[in-house]
Amino acid sequence: MEHTLSFLPGPGTPPDARFTVQVLRLRKSQWRLLAACAQLTAGQKCNLTRAFKDRYEQYQARVQAFTPSQTSNWTVSEKFLPLTDTVLGPPDVSLSGCGDCLLLRLGAPIAMEISPTYRVHVQRTRDGVQFNLSLPYKEETVITYLQPGVEYCVTVSIWSVFNKNTVSSAPHCAFTSRPPSRSSYVVMLGLLAAVCALGLLLILLHFYGLQGFKVLRKCLSTTLCGGGVPIEQSAQMSAVQHLKEGSADCLLTAHRLLKNASDGGEEIHGEGNEI
């Protein structure tokens, strides 16, 4: 809704010529001089925004060249209706990611009475997959059902039933969510391997450690674990000798079982008191 008049001097126009602009509101049928555009030079423009302030009215403009000694004929523009003939430029756009969606922020339309609809074109950068949305004006709009961690580009244009002269915004691109880096994958795999190893170690310690504690408890009982011979039935050694040797064998067995568990749980082979 900003209207600017520009013109080019006709062939043979003197270099010192000046230009004047008048506007006509068709319902009043009377040309009116614009004081700000009464002494223009070649290449200057005339801002008609305030002169064309009624968006539902038709206007015309005309330009005349003059010198101190000459005056040209008027050159008249076509009829102009601001509501339908203005160019609807792109809105202010900002874009950010929100997980599996995009947050689209739009600037307020200049002419609210146009009741524009926003045409939003969304394209996935990776493979060019695209779709279009028609949205009523809102300061913030969430575009949902997108792929996380992927970049999308969005262009926005204004569409109105009264006006088809639109210009799209430049593409604005954003990731739905920040994609994980390669180092993050390495750290995650390392943590997973560490947890699995720790779990296996706890299982081995529980299994073999339990066997060692059982042997140790048996050593403290009245029956020797070395060969299972009661003290009172031994004819070749004293009860004290049975107790010392059997207890030593049991403690050695329990120690090796516990050590075996802490070293990774190697299998135990052998018969009798040999490990």
Protein backbone atom coordinates (compact mmCIF):
# COMPACT_ATOMS: atom_id res chain seq x y z
CA MET A 1 0.00 0.00 0.00
CA GLU A 2 2.83 2.35 -0.84
CA HIS A 3 2.34 3.99 -4.23
CA THR A 4 5.14 5.64 -6.21
CA LEU A 5 5.00 7.39 -9.58
CA SER A 6 8.06 7.24 -11.84
CA PHE A 7 8.53 8.61 -15.37
CA LEU A 8 11.04 9.06 -18.16
CA PRO A 9 11.53 12.31 -20.11
CA GLY A 10 10.30 12.18 -23.70
CA PRO A 11 12.61 12.45 -26.74
CA GLY A 12 14.03 15.96 -27.19
CA THR A 13 13.29 17.10 -23.63
CA PRO A 14 15.70 19.95 -22.71
CA PRO A 15 18.24 19.09 -19.95
CA ASP A 16 16.95 21.94 -17.76
CA ALA A 17 13.32 20.78 -17.92
CA ARG A 18 11.31 20.30 -14.74
CA PHE A 19 8.27 18.09 -14.18
CA THR A 20 5.04 18.52 -12.30
CA VAL A 21 2.52 15.88 -11.15
CA GLN A 22 -1.24 16.08 -10.64
CA VAL A 23 -3.68 13.43 -9.36
CA LEU A 24 -7.35 12.83 -10.03
CA ARG A 25 -9.90 11.16 -7.81
CA LEU A 26 -12.40 9.86 -10.36
CA ARG A 27 -15.51 10.47 -8.25
CA LYS A 28 -14.60 14.18 -7.90
CA SER A 29 -13.40 14.64 -11.51
CA GLN A 30 -10.94 17.38 -10.57
CA TRP A 31 -7.20 17.33 -11.00
CA ARG A 32 -5.15 18.37 -7.99
CA LEU A 33 -1.54 19.55 -7.95
CA LEU A 34 0.81 17.84 -5.55
CA ALA A 35 3.05 20.50 -3.99
CA ALA A 36 5.78 17.97 -3.15
CA CYS A 37 5.97 16.93 -6.83
CA ALA A 38 5.71 20.35 -8.55
CA GLN A 39 9.40 20.83 -9.44
CA LEU A 40 10.84 17.38 -10.13
CA THR A 41 13.95 16.75 -12.19
CA ALA A 42 14.47 13.83 -14.57
CA GLY A 43 14.84 10.57 -12.63
CA GLN A 44 13.03 11.75 -9.49
CA LYS A 45 9.94 9.91 -8.27
CA CYS A 46 6.70 11.10 -6.71
CA ASN A 47 5.24 9.39 -3.64
CA LEU A 48 1.46 9.07 -4.08
CA THR A 49 0.72 7.03 -0.95
CA ARG A 50 -1.05 9.84 0.91
CA ALA A 51 -2.80 11.02 -2.26
CA PHE A 52 -4.20 7.50 -2.87
CA LYS A 53 -5.24 6.93 0.75
CA ASP A 54 -8.76 5.59 -0.05
CA ARG A 55 -8.08 1.99 -1.04
CA TYR A 56 -11.54 1.56 -2.55
CA GLU A 57 -11.35 4.64 -4.80
CA GLN A 58 -9.99 4.86 -8.36
CA TYR A 59 -7.26 7.38 -9.14
CA GLN A 60 -5.24 8.67 -12.04
CA ALA A 61 -2.01 10.64 -12.23
CA ARG A 62 -0.49 12.81 -14.95
CA VAL A 63 2.93 14.37 -15.60
CA GLN A 64 3.92 17.52 -17.51
CA ALA A 65 7.37 18.78 -18.51
CA PHE A 66 8.11 22.51 -18.57
CA THR A 67 10.90 25.04 -19.02
CA PRO A 68 10.81 28.82 -18.58
CA SER A 69 9.71 29.09 -22.21
CA GLN A 70 7.94 25.79 -23.02
CA THR A 71 5.30 23.46 -21.63
CA SER A 72 4.59 19.88 -22.81
CA ASN A 73 1.29 18.08 -23.03
CA TRP A 74 0.14 15.98 -20.10
CA THR A 75 0.94 12.28 -20.04
CA VAL A 76 -1.86 10.46 -18.18
CA SER A 77 -1.56 7.13 -16.32
CA GLU A 78 -4.07 4.32 -16.40
CA LYS A 79 -6.75 4.11 -13.70
CA PHE A 80 -5.44 2.78 -10.41
CA LEU A 81 -7.40 1.12 -7.60
CA PRO A 82 -5.12 0.64 -4.55
CA LEU A 83 -7.04 -2.36 -3.20
CA THR A 84 -6.57 -4.48 -6.32
CA ASP A 85 -3.66 -2.93 -8.21
CA THR A 86 -1.06 -2.58 -5.48
CA VAL A 87 1.62 -5.28 -5.29
CA LEU A 88 1.37 -7.32 -2.08
CA GLY A 89 4.98 -7.68 -1.09
CA PRO A 90 6.38 -10.47 1.07
CA PRO A 91 5.66 -10.43 4.81
CA ASP A 92 8.32 -10.40 7.49
CA VAL A 93 9.21 -14.05 8.16
CA SER A 94 11.24 -15.87 10.80
CA LEU A 95 11.59 -19.63 11.17
CA SER A 96 12.87 -21.92 13.94
CA GLY A 97 12.75 -25.65 14.75
CA CYS A 98 10.70 -27.24 17.54
CA GLY A 99 11.44 -30.99 17.45
CA ASP A 100 9.28 -32.57 14.73
CA CYS A 101 7.81 -29.21 13.71
CA LEU A 102 8.67 -25.68 12.59
CA LEU A 103 7.64 -22.44 14.30
CA LEU A 104 6.71 -19.81 11.71
CA ARG A 105 6.45 -16.15 12.77
CA LEU A 106 4.83 -13.60 10.44
CA GLY A 107 4.75 -9.83 10.49
CA ALA A 108 1.33 -8.15 10.66
CA PRO A 109 -0.22 -7.29 7.26
CA ILE A 110 -0.20 -3.62 6.34
CA ALA A 111 -3.83 -3.52 5.27
CA MET A 112 -5.89 -5.63 7.68
CA GLU A 113 -9.11 -5.01 5.74
CA ILE A 114 -7.74 -7.10 2.88
CA SER A 115 -8.04 -10.14 5.18
CA PRO A 116 -5.16 -11.93 3.49
CA THR A 117 -4.44 -15.62 3.53
CA TYR A 118 -0.82 -16.64 3.68
CA ARG A 119 0.43 -19.17 1.16
CA VAL A 120 3.24 -21.17 2.75
CA HIS A 121 5.46 -23.35 0.58
CA VAL A 122 7.49 -25.94 2.55
CA GLN A 123 10.32 -27.94 0.95
CA ARG A 124 12.61 -30.55 2.51
CA THR A 125 16.20 -29.71 1.61
CA ARG A 126 17.47 -33.29 1.50
CA ASP A 127 15.30 -34.65 -1.32
CA GLY A 128 13.07 -31.79 -2.48
CA VAL A 129 9.81 -33.18 -1.08
CA GLN A 130 7.39 -30.24 -0.81
CA PHE A 131 3.87 -29.22 0.07
CA ASN A 132 1.78 -26.03 0.33
CA LEU A 133 -0.37 -24.60 3.11
CA SER A 134 -3.00 -21.84 3.13
CA LEU A 135 -3.08 -20.21 6.56
CA PRO A 136 -4.98 -17.28 8.07
CA TYR A 137 -2.86 -14.58 9.61
CA LYS A 138 -1.41 -15.44 13.02
CA GLU A 139 1.73 -14.09 14.62
CA GLU A 140 2.93 -17.64 15.27
CA THR A 141 2.02 -20.82 13.40
CA VAL A 142 3.32 -24.34 14.08
CA ILE A 143 3.90 -26.55 11.03
CA THR A 144 3.63 -30.10 12.38
CA TYR A 145 4.22 -33.71 11.32
CA LEU A 146 7.75 -33.13 10.00
CA GLN A 147 10.82 -35.33 10.25
CA PRO A 148 13.04 -34.52 13.26
CA GLY A 149 16.60 -33.38 12.65
CA VAL A 150 15.97 -32.46 9.00
CA GLU A 151 16.30 -29.07 7.29
CA TYR A 152 13.25 -27.50 5.65
CA CYS A 153 12.98 -24.26 3.66
CA VAL A 154 9.85 -22.09 3.72
CA THR A 155 8.67 -19.28 1.43
CA VAL A 156 5.59 -17.21 2.26
CA SER A 157 3.36 -14.99 0.13
CA ILE A 158 0.13 -13.08 0.75
CA TRP A 159 -2.99 -14.10 -1.12
CA SER A 160 -6.26 -12.16 -1.23
CA VAL A 161 -9.50 -12.59 -3.15
CA PHE A 162 -9.21 -8.91 -4.10
CA ASN A 163 -5.61 -8.95 -5.28
CA LYS A 164 -3.50 -11.47 -7.15
CA ASN A 165 -0.36 -9.32 -7.42
CA THR A 166 1.89 -10.98 -4.87
CA VAL A 167 5.63 -11.39 -4.30
CA SER A 168 6.96 -14.34 -2.32
CA SER A 169 9.47 -13.98 0.49
CA ALA A 170 13.01 -15.26 0.18
CA PRO A 171 13.47 -18.86 1.41
CA HIS A 172 13.94 -19.20 5.16
CA CYS A 173 15.54 -22.49 6.24
CA ALA A 174 15.80 -24.23 9.62
CA PHE A 175 16.28 -27.71 11.11
CA THR A 176 13.27 -29.18 12.90
CA SER A 177 15.71 -30.12 15.68
CA ARG A 178 19.48 -30.05 15.80
CA PRO A 179 20.82 -33.31 14.28
CA PRO A 180 23.10 -35.31 16.62
CA SER A 181 26.81 -35.09 15.81
CA ARG A 182 28.99 -38.10 14.98
CA SER A 183 30.80 -37.80 18.30
CA SER A 184 27.45 -38.11 20.09
CA TYR A 185 26.87 -41.49 18.45
CA VAL A 186 30.34 -42.68 19.56
CA VAL A 187 29.69 -41.58 23.15
CA MET A 188 26.30 -43.31 23.20
CA LEU A 189 27.75 -46.58 21.88
CA GLY A 190 30.59 -46.39 24.40
CA LEU A 191 28.19 -45.90 27.31
CA LEU A 192 26.04 -48.80 26.11
CA ALA A 193 29.08 -51.10 25.90
CA ALA A 194 30.21 -50.04 29.38
CA VAL A 195 26.79 -50.79 30.87
CA CYS A 196 26.70 -54.24 29.23
CA ALA A 197 30.21 -55.07 30.48
CA LEU A 198 29.35 -53.95 34.00
CA GLY A 199 26.22 -56.09 34.02
CA LEU A 200 28.15 -59.15 32.86
CA LEU A 201 30.80 -58.58 35.52
CA LEU A 202 28.18 -58.35 38.27
CA ILE A 203 26.60 -61.61 37.10
CA LEU A 204 29.99 -63.39 37.14
CA LEU A 205 30.88 -62.00 40.55
CA HIS A 206 27.55 -63.11 41.93
CA PHE A 207 27.83 -66.65 40.53
CA TYR A 208 31.48 -67.46 41.31
CA GLY A 209 31.61 -65.36 44.46
CA LEU A 210 28.68 -67.28 45.87
CA GLN A 211 30.51 -70.58 45.31
CA GLY A 212 33.63 -69.27 47.08
CA PHE A 213 31.65 -68.13 50.11
CA LYS A 214 29.91 -71.52 50.30
CA VAL A 215 33.28 -73.32 50.38
CA LEU A 216 34.59 -70.92 53.01
CA ARG A 217 31.55 -71.52 55.21
CA LYS A 218 32.00 -75.28 54.82
CA CYS A 219 35.60 -74.95 55.98
CA LEU A 220 34.44 -73.57 59.27
CA SER A 221 32.20 -76.56 59.90
CA THR A 222 33.27 -79.70 61.72
CA THR A 223 33.79 -81.67 58.46
CA LEU A 224 36.95 -81.06 56.47
CA CYS A 225 36.37 -80.04 52.85
CA GLY A 226 39.67 -81.48 51.56
CA GLY A 227 38.50 -85.10 51.36
CA GLY A 228 35.39 -85.16 53.45
CA VAL A 229 37.03 -87.37 56.20
CA PRO A 230 35.82 -86.81 59.76
CA ILE A 231 38.52 -86.08 62.32
CA GLU A 232 37.68 -89.04 64.57
CA GLN A 233 37.98 -91.56 61.66
CA SER A 234 41.53 -90.68 60.65
CA ALA A 235 44.03 -93.25 61.82
CA GLN A 236 47.21 -91.81 60.24
CA MET A 237 47.12 -88.20 61.45
CA SER A 238 45.92 -86.42 64.47
CA ALA A 239 42.71 -84.46 64.65
CA VAL A 240 44.71 -81.23 64.81
CA GLN A 241 46.62 -82.14 61.65
CA HIS A 242 43.38 -82.96 59.81
CA LEU A 243 41.91 -79.66 60.86
CA LYS A 244 44.97 -77.62 59.80
CA GLU A 245 45.46 -79.27 56.43
CA GLY A 246 41.77 -79.42 55.57
CA SER A 247 41.25 -75.81 56.58
CA ALA A 248 44.22 -74.67 54.52
CA ASP A 249 42.90 -76.51 51.45
CA CYS A 250 39.44 -75.00 51.91
CA LEU A 251 40.76 -71.45 52.31
CA LEU A 252 42.95 -71.89 49.23
CA THR A 253 39.98 -73.17 47.25
CA ALA A 254 37.76 -70.28 48.39
CA HIS A 255 40.52 -67.73 47.64
CA ARG A 256 41.04 -69.06 44.12
CA LEU A 257 37.30 -69.10 43.41
CA LEU A 258 36.96 -65.46 44.47
CA LYS A 259 40.08 -64.49 42.51
CA ASN A 260 38.77 -66.34 39.48
CA ALA A 261 35.52 -64.38 39.68
CA SER A 262 37.34 -61.03 39.83
CA ASP A 263 39.56 -62.03 36.83
CA GLY A 264 36.60 -62.62 34.53
CA GLY A 265 35.14 -65.92 35.61
CA GLU A 266 37.33 -68.59 34.02
CA GLU A 267 35.98 -72.10 34.28
CA ILE A 268 37.19 -74.38 37.13
CA HIS A 269 38.47 -77.86 36.28
CA GLY A 270 39.93 -80.71 38.29
CA GLU A 271 39.15 -83.27 40.92
CA GLY A 272 39.61 -83.43 44.66
CA ASN A 273 41.57 -80.49 45.99
CA GLU A 274 43.23 -79.47 42.70
CA ILE A 275 41.90 -76.37 40.83
